[in-house]
Amino acid sequence: MLKKGCETLFEGHPYIHQIMVWDKSSNKYSHLFQLLKQIRKKRYDHVINLQRFAATGLLTAFSKASSTSGFDKNPFSFLFKNKVRHIIGTGTSLHEIDRNLMLIEHITEAKRQIKLYPDIADKEKVKQYKDRPYICIAPSSIWETKKFPEKKWIEFLNSLPDELYVFLIGSKNDEELCNNIIRKSVKNNISNLSGKLSFLQTAALLKDAKMNFTNDSAPLHLASAVNAPVAGIFCSTDPAFGFGPLSGRSFIVQTHETLKCRPCGIHGYTVCPEKHFKCATTITNDQLLQCFNS
């Protein structure tokens, strides 16, 4: 079960029989209880809840499933049959994948990997962009202090070799930022694909890039899910929270300076709380370029 907008990630997935979508845009709780009715009718063997919010906790606790699993931080966890301690922070090396797999340890032994399945149509859609060496850049994030600064992206673009083509990717909301970067850059062989590709089409494009540069955001995980080369840039957040890249060829780019204020939170803020944003501005262009040669 997913919130509306994410369901296309699993189109054509070979191991999923049904996708339930919670539309939270209108009549949020009416839709929630409709879903609960569907779930109770199915009488599932297992309901596994990866979230820590009350709404999904309610669905889990009252699902009528033979076995229910979730994290202890969920308000309804006292009603789960299998409760797992949620561990997150800079003092642990647990990846989000490791945390989630702990929820099914009593059921099966699972491999530590993530995978998405772009289909033939997805691959055909992006085939037109693969006739030359290219990289992808995802310059945005819903959290401002996760965003590598616009002027830093422009500096990076201007230092790239002429023969390397660049695709800027993101959602429709990122179109203006990408256009600004293109307009201010001196690089000519660059295109803005933000809002033009689905999740799976984006994953198919990332797969064959020479390198993909992202913030600590969704495109990083899309790259990991197709084992595409990726460099994840961490500004205000810390990869120790468990959201780093998992591709076979992957890099973490972060400041070399010791900042008492970093990380300032798991997600970030709309503005830097300290007003200097040194966690981003002290990352050098050479750090990004080194990802090509390592």
C-alpha atoms as a PDB file:
ATOM      1  CA  MET A   1       0.000   0.000   0.000  1.00  0.00           C
ATOM      2  CA  LEU A   2       1.309   3.397  -1.032  1.00  0.00           C
ATOM      3  CA  LYS A   3       0.172   6.994  -0.959  1.00  0.00           C
ATOM      4  CA  LYS A   4      -1.135   8.290  -4.274  1.00  0.00           C
ATOM      5  CA  GLY A   5       1.673   9.393  -6.580  1.00  0.00           C
ATOM      6  CA  CYS A   6       4.117   6.590  -5.743  1.00  0.00           C
ATOM      7  CA  GLU A   7       2.235   3.658  -7.235  1.00  0.00           C
ATOM      8  CA  THR A   8       3.893   3.912 -10.664  1.00  0.00           C
ATOM      9  CA  LEU A   9       7.153   2.739  -9.083  1.00  0.00           C
ATOM     10  CA  PHE A  10       5.747  -0.775  -8.999  1.00  0.00           C
ATOM     11  CA  GLU A  11       4.049  -1.018 -12.378  1.00  0.00           C
ATOM     12  CA  GLY A  12       4.940  -4.388 -13.896  1.00  0.00           C
ATOM     13  CA  HIS A  13       6.732  -5.547 -10.745  1.00  0.00           C
ATOM     14  CA  PRO A  14       7.012  -9.352 -10.998  1.00  0.00           C
ATOM     15  CA  TYR A  15       6.521 -10.032  -7.278  1.00  0.00           C
ATOM     16  CA  ILE A  16       3.571  -7.797  -6.449  1.00  0.00           C
ATOM     17  CA  HIS A  17       0.010  -8.981  -7.100  1.00  0.00           C
ATOM     18  CA  GLN A  18      -1.912  -5.900  -6.013  1.00  0.00           C
ATOM     19  CA  ILE A  19      -1.173  -2.269  -5.216  1.00  0.00           C
ATOM     20  CA  MET A  20      -3.446  -0.386  -2.835  1.00  0.00           C
ATOM     21  CA  VAL A  21      -3.345   3.408  -3.091  1.00  0.00           C
ATOM     22  CA  TRP A  22      -4.234   5.798  -0.304  1.00  0.00           C
ATOM     23  CA  ASP A  23      -5.420   9.088  -1.788  1.00  0.00           C
ATOM     24  CA  LYS A  24      -4.721  11.702   0.884  1.00  0.00           C
ATOM     25  CA  SER A  25      -5.588  14.711  -1.292  1.00  0.00           C
ATOM     26  CA  SER A  26      -9.311  14.719  -0.409  1.00  0.00           C
ATOM     27  CA  ASN A  27     -11.546  12.751   1.971  1.00  0.00           C
ATOM     28  CA  LYS A  28      -8.332  11.456   3.483  1.00  0.00           C
ATOM     29  CA  TYR A  29      -9.822   9.483   6.374  1.00  0.00           C
ATOM     30  CA  SER A  30     -12.796   8.235   4.405  1.00  0.00           C
ATOM     31  CA  HIS A  31     -10.321   6.662   1.965  1.00  0.00           C
ATOM     32  CA  LEU A  32      -8.293   5.290   4.860  1.00  0.00           C
ATOM     33  CA  PHE A  33     -11.255   3.393   6.288  1.00  0.00           C
ATOM     34  CA  GLN A  34     -12.184   2.114   2.834  1.00  0.00           C
ATOM     35  CA  LEU A  35      -8.708   0.630   2.666  1.00  0.00           C
ATOM     36  CA  LEU A  36      -9.085  -0.869   6.125  1.00  0.00           C
ATOM     37  CA  LYS A  37     -12.270  -2.594   4.972  1.00  0.00           C
ATOM     38  CA  GLN A  38     -10.446  -4.058   1.947  1.00  0.00           C
ATOM     39  CA  ILE A  39      -7.537  -5.250   4.081  1.00  0.00           C
ATOM     40  CA  ARG A  40      -9.757  -6.880   6.719  1.00  0.00           C
ATOM     41  CA  LYS A  41     -11.687  -8.723   4.007  1.00  0.00           C
ATOM     42  CA  LYS A  42      -8.468 -10.265   2.627  1.00  0.00           C
ATOM     43  CA  ARG A  43      -7.377 -11.782   5.957  1.00  0.00           C
ATOM     44  CA  TYR A  44      -3.689 -11.590   5.042  1.00  0.00           C
ATOM     45  CA  ASP A  45      -1.130 -13.961   6.524  1.00  0.00           C
ATOM     46  CA  HIS A  46       1.229 -11.035   7.206  1.00  0.00           C
ATOM     47  CA  VAL A  47       0.857  -7.272   7.319  1.00  0.00           C
ATOM     48  CA  ILE A  48       4.234  -5.533   7.505  1.00  0.00           C
ATOM     49  CA  ASN A  49       4.280  -1.806   8.286  1.00  0.00           C
ATOM     50  CA  LEU A  50       7.434   0.135   7.390  1.00  0.00           C
ATOM     51  CA  GLN A  51       6.059   3.440   8.658  1.00  0.00           C
ATOM     52  CA  ARG A  52       5.862   4.971  12.082  1.00  0.00           C
ATOM     53  CA  PHE A  53       2.669   6.993  11.669  1.00  0.00           C
ATOM     54  CA  ALA A  54      -0.661   6.431  13.412  1.00  0.00           C
ATOM     55  CA  ALA A  55      -2.742   5.982  10.246  1.00  0.00           C
ATOM     56  CA  THR A  56      -0.766   2.987   8.970  1.00  0.00           C
ATOM     57  CA  GLY A  57      -0.509   1.685  12.523  1.00  0.00           C
ATOM     58  CA  LEU A  58      -4.295   1.621  12.713  1.00  0.00           C
ATOM     59  CA  LEU A  59      -4.515  -0.309   9.421  1.00  0.00           C
ATOM     60  CA  THR A  60      -1.954  -2.810  10.700  1.00  0.00           C
ATOM     61  CA  ALA A  61      -3.395  -3.301  14.172  1.00  0.00           C
ATOM     62  CA  PHE A  62      -6.961  -3.833  12.933  1.00  0.00           C
ATOM     63  CA  SER A  63      -6.125  -5.684   9.714  1.00  0.00           C
ATOM     64  CA  LYS A  64      -7.265  -9.117  10.976  1.00  0.00           C
ATOM     65  CA  ALA A  65      -3.985 -10.495   9.639  1.00  0.00           C
ATOM     66  CA  SER A  66      -2.567 -13.634  11.246  1.00  0.00           C
ATOM     67  CA  SER A  67       0.703 -11.780  11.865  1.00  0.00           C
ATOM     68  CA  THR A  68       1.377  -8.039  12.110  1.00  0.00           C
ATOM     69  CA  SER A  69       4.814  -6.418  12.216  1.00  0.00           C
ATOM     70  CA  GLY A  70       5.983  -2.852  12.691  1.00  0.00           C
ATOM     71  CA  PHE A  71       8.363  -0.518  14.466  1.00  0.00           C
ATOM     72  CA  ASP A  72       8.055   0.274  18.170  1.00  0.00           C
ATOM     73  CA  LYS A  73       7.769   4.012  17.452  1.00  0.00           C
ATOM     74  CA  ASN A  74       4.376   3.546  15.785  1.00  0.00           C
ATOM     75  CA  PRO A  75       1.605   4.696  18.178  1.00  0.00           C
ATOM     76  CA  PHE A  76      -0.301   1.445  17.559  1.00  0.00           C
ATOM     77  CA  SER A  77       2.731  -0.827  17.979  1.00  0.00           C
ATOM     78  CA  PHE A  78       1.421  -2.144  21.307  1.00  0.00           C
ATOM     79  CA  LEU A  79      -1.175  -4.011  19.235  1.00  0.00           C
ATOM     80  CA  PHE A  80       1.328  -5.525  16.763  1.00  0.00           C
ATOM     81  CA  LYS A  81       2.212  -9.203  17.148  1.00  0.00           C
ATOM     82  CA  ASN A  82       5.827  -8.514  16.145  1.00  0.00           C
ATOM     83  CA  LYS A  83       7.348  -5.237  17.315  1.00  0.00           C
ATOM     84  CA  VAL A  84      10.868  -4.180  16.281  1.00  0.00           C
ATOM     85  CA  ARG A  85      12.971  -1.448  17.831  1.00  0.00           C
ATOM     86  CA  HIS A  86      13.533   1.409  15.383  1.00  0.00           C
ATOM     87  CA  ILE A  87      17.181   2.463  15.486  1.00  0.00           C
ATOM     88  CA  ILE A  88      18.337   5.577  13.662  1.00  0.00           C
ATOM     89  CA  GLY A  89      21.083   8.110  14.269  1.00  0.00           C
ATOM     90  CA  THR A  90      24.699   8.958  13.598  1.00  0.00           C
ATOM     91  CA  GLY A  91      25.866   6.388  16.165  1.00  0.00           C
ATOM     92  CA  THR A  92      24.684   3.405  14.113  1.00  0.00           C
ATOM     93  CA  SER A  93      25.648   1.995  10.731  1.00  0.00           C
ATOM     94  CA  LEU A  94      22.200   0.584   9.981  1.00  0.00           C
ATOM     95  CA  HIS A  95      20.942   1.353   6.498  1.00  0.00           C
ATOM     96  CA  GLU A  96      17.204   1.866   5.996  1.00  0.00           C
ATOM     97  CA  ILE A  97      17.232  -1.459   4.141  1.00  0.00           C
ATOM     98  CA  ASP A  98      18.634  -3.177   7.255  1.00  0.00           C
ATOM     99  CA  ARG A  99      15.990  -1.581   9.461  1.00  0.00           C
ATOM    100  CA  ASN A 100      13.177  -2.695   7.177  1.00  0.00           C
ATOM    101  CA  LEU A 101      14.506  -6.247   6.832  1.00  0.00           C
ATOM    102  CA  MET A 102      14.403  -6.593  10.619  1.00  0.00           C
ATOM    103  CA  LEU A 103      10.603  -6.579  10.285  1.00  0.00           C
ATOM    104  CA  ILE A 104      10.608  -9.871   8.366  1.00  0.00           C
ATOM    105  CA  GLU A 105      13.437 -11.740  10.100  1.00  0.00           C
ATOM    106  CA  HIS A 106      10.862 -14.004  11.768  1.00  0.00           C
ATOM    107  CA  ILE A 107       9.374 -14.895   8.367  1.00  0.00           C
ATOM    108  CA  THR A 108      12.293 -15.350   5.989  1.00  0.00           C
ATOM    109  CA  GLU A 109      15.936 -14.644   5.282  1.00  0.00           C
ATOM    110  CA  ALA A 110      16.153 -11.764   2.799  1.00  0.00           C
ATOM    111  CA  LYS A 111      19.003 -10.321   0.770  1.00  0.00           C
ATOM    112  CA  ARG A 112      20.192  -6.772   1.399  1.00  0.00           C
ATOM    113  CA  GLN A 113      19.237  -5.230  -1.916  1.00  0.00           C
ATOM    114  CA  ILE A 114      16.628  -3.041  -3.533  1.00  0.00           C
ATOM    115  CA  LYS A 115      15.390  -3.463  -7.062  1.00  0.00           C
ATOM    116  CA  LEU A 116      12.950  -1.856  -9.471  1.00  0.00           C
ATOM    117  CA  TYR A 117      11.857  -3.213 -12.825  1.00  0.00           C
ATOM    118  CA  PRO A 118      11.606  -0.729 -15.723  1.00  0.00           C
ATOM    119  CA  ASP A 119       9.835  -2.533 -18.561  1.00  0.00           C
ATOM    120  CA  ILE A 120      10.491  -2.543 -22.311  1.00  0.00           C
ATOM    121  CA  ALA A 121       8.360   0.572 -22.831  1.00  0.00           C
ATOM    122  CA  ASP A 122      10.282   2.469 -20.142  1.00  0.00           C
ATOM    123  CA  LYS A 123      13.604   1.542 -21.722  1.00  0.00           C
ATOM    124  CA  GLU A 124      12.341   2.415 -25.200  1.00  0.00           C
ATOM    125  CA  LYS A 125      11.199   5.841 -23.962  1.00  0.00           C
ATOM    126  CA  VAL A 126      14.728   6.827 -22.880  1.00  0.00           C
ATOM    127  CA  LYS A 127      16.641   5.013 -25.629  1.00  0.00           C
ATOM    128  CA  GLN A 128      16.709   8.254 -27.657  1.00  0.00           C
ATOM    129  CA  TYR A 129      18.901   9.887 -24.972  1.00  0.00           C
ATOM    130  CA  LYS A 130      21.547   7.162 -24.925  1.00  0.00           C
ATOM    131  CA  ASP A 131      23.312   7.758 -28.236  1.00  0.00           C
ATOM    132  CA  ARG A 132      26.277   9.526 -26.573  1.00  0.00           C
ATOM    133  CA  PRO A 133      28.147   9.507 -23.239  1.00  0.00           C
ATOM    134  CA  TYR A 134      26.039  11.297 -20.613  1.00  0.00           C
ATOM    135  CA  ILE A 135      25.529  11.989 -16.951  1.00  0.00           C
ATOM    136  CA  CYS A 136      22.365  12.809 -15.015  1.00  0.00           C
ATOM    137  CA  ILE A 137      22.017  15.491 -12.360  1.00  0.00           C
ATOM    138  CA  ALA A 138      19.068  15.701  -9.972  1.00  0.00           C
ATOM    139  CA  PRO A 139      19.606  19.168  -8.460  1.00  0.00           C
ATOM    140  CA  SER A 140      16.520  19.487  -6.278  1.00  0.00           C
ATOM    141  CA  SER A 141      14.893  18.176  -3.089  1.00  0.00           C
ATOM    142  CA  ILE A 142      11.716  18.996  -1.170  1.00  0.00           C
ATOM    143  CA  TRP A 143      14.007  20.035   1.711  1.00  0.00           C
ATOM    144  CA  GLU A 144      15.989  23.220   1.039  1.00  0.00           C
ATOM    145  CA  THR A 145      18.973  22.349   3.222  1.00  0.00           C
ATOM    146  CA  LYS A 146      19.372  19.060   1.331  1.00  0.00           C
ATOM    147  CA  LYS A 147      19.886  20.959  -1.918  1.00  0.00           C
ATOM    148  CA  PHE A 148      23.397  21.432  -3.230  1.00  0.00           C
ATOM    149  CA  PRO A 149      23.407  25.177  -4.093  1.00  0.00           C
ATOM    150  CA  GLU A 150      22.488  26.279  -7.602  1.00  0.00           C
ATOM    151  CA  LYS A 151      25.752  28.173  -8.101  1.00  0.00           C
ATOM    152  CA  LYS A 152      27.686  25.032  -7.111  1.00  0.00           C
ATOM    153  CA  TRP A 153      25.863  22.987  -9.756  1.00  0.00           C
ATOM    154  CA  ILE A 154      26.688  25.654 -12.337  1.00  0.00           C
ATOM    155  CA  GLU A 155      30.370  25.614 -11.342  1.00  0.00           C
ATOM    156  CA  PHE A 156      30.369  21.836 -11.724  1.00  0.00           C
ATOM    157  CA  LEU A 157      28.661  21.927 -15.133  1.00  0.00           C
ATOM    158  CA  ASN A 158      31.117  24.502 -16.441  1.00  0.00           C
ATOM    159  CA  SER A 159      34.041  22.258 -15.485  1.00  0.00           C
ATOM    160  CA  LEU A 160      32.803  19.175 -17.369  1.00  0.00           C
ATOM    161  CA  PRO A 161      34.385  18.051 -20.662  1.00  0.00           C
ATOM    162  CA  ASP A 162      32.557  19.261 -23.771  1.00  0.00           C
ATOM    163  CA  GLU A 163      31.864  15.757 -25.103  1.00  0.00           C
ATOM    164  CA  LEU A 164      29.866  14.760 -22.008  1.00  0.00           C
ATOM    165  CA  TYR A 165      26.125  15.386 -22.358  1.00  0.00           C
ATOM    166  CA  VAL A 166      24.078  16.310 -19.275  1.00  0.00           C
ATOM    167  CA  PHE A 167      20.446  15.569 -18.438  1.00  0.00           C
ATOM    168  CA  LEU A 168      18.828  17.441 -15.561  1.00  0.00           C
ATOM    169  CA  ILE A 169      16.079  15.343 -13.985  1.00  0.00           C
ATOM    170  CA  GLY A 170      13.378  15.857 -11.390  1.00  0.00           C
ATOM    171  CA  SER A 171       9.656  16.447 -11.027  1.00  0.00           C
ATOM    172  CA  LYS A 172       7.586  19.073 -12.822  1.00  0.00           C
ATOM    173  CA  ASN A 173       8.134  21.336  -9.795  1.00  0.00           C
ATOM    174  CA  ASP A 174      11.893  21.284 -10.481  1.00  0.00           C
ATOM    175  CA  GLU A 175      11.574  22.595 -14.031  1.00  0.00           C
ATOM    176  CA  GLU A 176      12.252  26.229 -13.126  1.00  0.00           C
ATOM    177  CA  LEU A 177      15.369  25.413 -11.088  1.00  0.00           C
ATOM    178  CA  CYS A 178      16.730  23.268 -13.934  1.00  0.00           C
ATOM    179  CA  ASN A 179      16.026  26.011 -16.482  1.00  0.00           C
ATOM    180  CA  ASN A 180      17.855  28.535 -14.294  1.00  0.00           C
ATOM    181  CA  ILE A 181      20.882  26.256 -14.071  1.00  0.00           C
ATOM    182  CA  ILE A 182      20.943  25.786 -17.844  1.00  0.00           C
ATOM    183  CA  ARG A 183      20.546  29.509 -18.516  1.00  0.00           C
ATOM    184  CA  LYS A 184      23.385  30.476 -16.182  1.00  0.00           C
ATOM    185  CA  SER A 185      25.745  27.734 -17.330  1.00  0.00           C
ATOM    186  CA  VAL A 186      28.123  28.085 -20.287  1.00  0.00           C
ATOM    187  CA  LYS A 187      27.613  24.417 -21.175  1.00  0.00           C
ATOM    188  CA  ASN A 188      25.671  23.864 -24.397  1.00  0.00           C
ATOM    189  CA  ASN A 189      25.050  20.108 -24.489  1.00  0.00           C
ATOM    190  CA  ILE A 190      22.514  19.952 -21.670  1.00  0.00           C
ATOM    191  CA  SER A 191      18.784  19.162 -21.556  1.00  0.00           C
ATOM    192  CA  ASN A 192      16.054  19.609 -18.962  1.00  0.00           C
ATOM    193  CA  LEU A 193      13.997  16.424 -18.542  1.00  0.00           C
ATOM    194  CA  SER A 194      12.319  17.394 -15.262  1.00  0.00           C
ATOM    195  CA  GLY A 195       8.644  16.424 -15.301  1.00  0.00           C
ATOM    196  CA  LYS A 196       9.040  14.537 -18.594  1.00  0.00           C
ATOM    197  CA  LEU A 197       9.821  11.037 -17.289  1.00  0.00           C
ATOM    198  CA  SER A 198       8.069   8.629 -14.948  1.00  0.00           C
ATOM    199  CA  PHE A 199       9.896   7.079 -11.982  1.00  0.00           C
ATOM    200  CA  LEU A 200      10.696   3.902 -13.899  1.00  0.00           C
ATOM    201  CA  GLN A 201      11.704   5.799 -17.043  1.00  0.00           C
ATOM    202  CA  THR A 202      14.041   7.894 -14.912  1.00  0.00           C
ATOM    203  CA  ALA A 203      15.524   4.724 -13.415  1.00  0.00           C
ATOM    204  CA  ALA A 204      16.069   3.343 -16.930  1.00  0.00           C
ATOM    205  CA  LEU A 205      17.900   6.551 -17.913  1.00  0.00           C
ATOM    206  CA  LEU A 206      20.078   6.510 -14.777  1.00  0.00           C
ATOM    207  CA  LYS A 207      21.102   2.912 -15.473  1.00  0.00           C
ATOM    208  CA  ASP A 208      23.459   3.682 -18.373  1.00  0.00           C
ATOM    209  CA  ALA A 209      24.799   7.069 -17.310  1.00  0.00           C
ATOM    210  CA  LYS A 210      28.532   7.526 -16.810  1.00  0.00           C
ATOM    211  CA  MET A 211      27.611   8.919 -13.393  1.00  0.00           C
ATOM    212  CA  ASN A 212      24.526  10.249 -11.649  1.00  0.00           C
ATOM    213  CA  PHE A 213      24.773  13.165  -9.226  1.00  0.00           C
ATOM    214  CA  THR A 214      21.961  13.609  -6.713  1.00  0.00           C
ATOM    215  CA  ASN A 215      21.175  15.177  -3.387  1.00  0.00           C
ATOM    216  CA  ASP A 216      20.074  13.048  -0.438  1.00  0.00           C
ATOM    217  CA  SER A 217      16.761  12.494  -2.224  1.00  0.00           C
ATOM    218  CA  ALA A 218      14.641  10.046  -4.240  1.00  0.00           C
ATOM    219  CA  PRO A 219      16.812   9.900  -7.411  1.00  0.00           C
ATOM    220  CA  LEU A 220      19.678   8.518  -5.317  1.00  0.00           C
ATOM    221  CA  HIS A 221      17.498   5.536  -4.396  1.00  0.00           C
ATOM    222  CA  LEU A 222      16.204   5.111  -7.946  1.00  0.00           C
ATOM    223  CA  ALA A 223      19.838   4.788  -9.027  1.00  0.00           C
ATOM    224  CA  SER A 224      20.511   2.210  -6.304  1.00  0.00           C
ATOM    225  CA  ALA A 225      17.438   0.237  -7.382  1.00  0.00           C
ATOM    226  CA  VAL A 226      18.893  -0.356 -10.872  1.00  0.00           C
ATOM    227  CA  ASN A 227      22.533  -0.539  -9.704  1.00  0.00           C
ATOM    228  CA  ALA A 228      23.413   2.641 -11.591  1.00  0.00           C
ATOM    229  CA  PRO A 229      26.607   4.566 -10.720  1.00  0.00           C
ATOM    230  CA  VAL A 230      25.714   7.353  -8.317  1.00  0.00           C
ATOM    231  CA  ALA A 231      27.283  10.121  -6.251  1.00  0.00           C
ATOM    232  CA  GLY A 232      25.071  11.202  -3.368  1.00  0.00           C
ATOM    233  CA  ILE A 233      25.694  14.721  -2.085  1.00  0.00           C
ATOM    234  CA  PHE A 234      24.866  15.108   1.607  1.00  0.00           C
ATOM    235  CA  CYS A 235      24.583  18.693   2.816  1.00  0.00           C
ATOM    236  CA  SER A 236      22.672  19.148   6.084  1.00  0.00           C
ATOM    237  CA  THR A 237      21.974  15.435   6.548  1.00  0.00           C
ATOM    238  CA  ASP A 238      24.331  12.567   7.304  1.00  0.00           C
ATOM    239  CA  PRO A 239      24.596   9.247   5.422  1.00  0.00           C
ATOM    240  CA  ALA A 240      24.873   7.597   8.844  1.00  0.00           C
ATOM    241  CA  PHE A 241      21.092   8.014   9.126  1.00  0.00           C
ATOM    242  CA  GLY A 242      20.909   5.074   6.729  1.00  0.00           C
ATOM    243  CA  PHE A 243      19.919   6.591   3.392  1.00  0.00           C
ATOM    244  CA  GLY A 244      23.192   6.361   1.500  1.00  0.00           C
ATOM    245  CA  PRO A 245      23.630   4.847  -1.977  1.00  0.00           C
ATOM    246  CA  LEU A 246      23.778   1.069  -2.444  1.00  0.00           C
ATOM    247  CA  SER A 247      24.938   0.754  -6.055  1.00  0.00           C
ATOM    248  CA  GLY A 248      28.062  -1.267  -6.790  1.00  0.00           C
ATOM    249  CA  ARG A 249      29.766   1.951  -7.919  1.00  0.00           C
ATOM    250  CA  SER A 250      28.680   4.674  -5.537  1.00  0.00           C
ATOM    251  CA  PHE A 251      30.130   7.658  -3.736  1.00  0.00           C
ATOM    252  CA  ILE A 252      29.208   9.843  -0.802  1.00  0.00           C
ATOM    253  CA  VAL A 253      30.109  13.512  -1.220  1.00  0.00           C
ATOM    254  CA  GLN A 254      30.070  15.658   1.912  1.00  0.00           C
ATOM    255  CA  THR A 255      32.027  18.466   3.531  1.00  0.00           C
ATOM    256  CA  HIS A 256      35.448  17.691   4.972  1.00  0.00           C
ATOM    257  CA  GLU A 257      34.947  20.341   7.643  1.00  0.00           C
ATOM    258  CA  THR A 258      33.821  19.402  11.139  1.00  0.00           C
ATOM    259  CA  LEU A 259      30.633  21.356  11.810  1.00  0.00           C
ATOM    260  CA  LYS A 260      28.978  21.192  15.215  1.00  0.00           C
ATOM    261  CA  CYS A 261      25.633  21.990  13.613  1.00  0.00           C
ATOM    262  CA  ARG A 262      25.710  19.047  11.184  1.00  0.00           C
ATOM    263  CA  PRO A 263      23.531  17.103  10.906  1.00  0.00           C
ATOM    264  CA  CYS A 264      20.807  19.542  11.862  1.00  0.00           C
ATOM    265  CA  GLY A 265      18.067  16.931  11.451  1.00  0.00           C
ATOM    266  CA  ILE A 266      17.021  13.763   9.661  1.00  0.00           C
ATOM    267  CA  HIS A 267      15.323  15.671   6.849  1.00  0.00           C
ATOM    268  CA  GLY A 268      16.564  19.247   6.929  1.00  0.00           C
ATOM    269  CA  TYR A 269      14.947  22.678   6.984  1.00  0.00           C
ATOM    270  CA  THR A 270      13.629  25.378   4.678  1.00  0.00           C
ATOM    271  CA  VAL A 271      16.672  27.514   5.587  1.00  0.00           C
ATOM    272  CA  CYS A 272      19.966  26.836   7.353  1.00  0.00           C
ATOM    273  CA  PRO A 273      19.338  27.316  11.118  1.00  0.00           C
ATOM    274  CA  GLU A 274      22.828  28.817  11.470  1.00  0.00           C
ATOM    275  CA  LYS A 275      22.385  31.082   8.400  1.00  0.00           C
ATOM    276  CA  HIS A 276      25.736  30.057   6.835  1.00  0.00           C
ATOM    277  CA  PHE A 277      24.923  26.731   5.080  1.00  0.00           C
ATOM    278  CA  LYS A 278      28.580  25.679   5.348  1.00  0.00           C
ATOM    279  CA  CYS A 279      27.616  22.007   5.109  1.00  0.00           C
ATOM    280  CA  ALA A 280      26.945  22.707   1.408  1.00  0.00           C
ATOM    281  CA  THR A 281      29.170  25.651   0.513  1.00  0.00           C
ATOM    282  CA  THR A 282      32.350  23.957   1.778  1.00  0.00           C
ATOM    283  CA  ILE A 283      31.916  20.966  -0.562  1.00  0.00           C
ATOM    284  CA  THR A 284      34.405  21.515  -3.380  1.00  0.00           C
ATOM    285  CA  ASN A 285      33.979  21.042  -7.097  1.00  0.00           C
ATOM    286  CA  ASP A 286      36.959  18.674  -7.100  1.00  0.00           C
ATOM    287  CA  GLN A 287      35.059  16.309  -4.813  1.00  0.00           C
ATOM    288  CA  LEU A 288      32.389  15.888  -7.497  1.00  0.00           C
ATOM    289  CA  LEU A 289      34.897  15.537 -10.314  1.00  0.00           C
ATOM    290  CA  GLN A 290      36.787  12.847  -8.417  1.00  0.00           C
ATOM    291  CA  CYS A 291      33.747  10.586  -8.672  1.00  0.00           C
ATOM    292  CA  PHE A 292      34.549  10.078 -12.362  1.00  0.00           C
ATOM    293  CA  ASN A 293      38.062   8.847 -11.671  1.00  0.00           C
ATOM    294  CA  SER A 294      37.607   6.664  -8.590  1.00  0.00           C
END
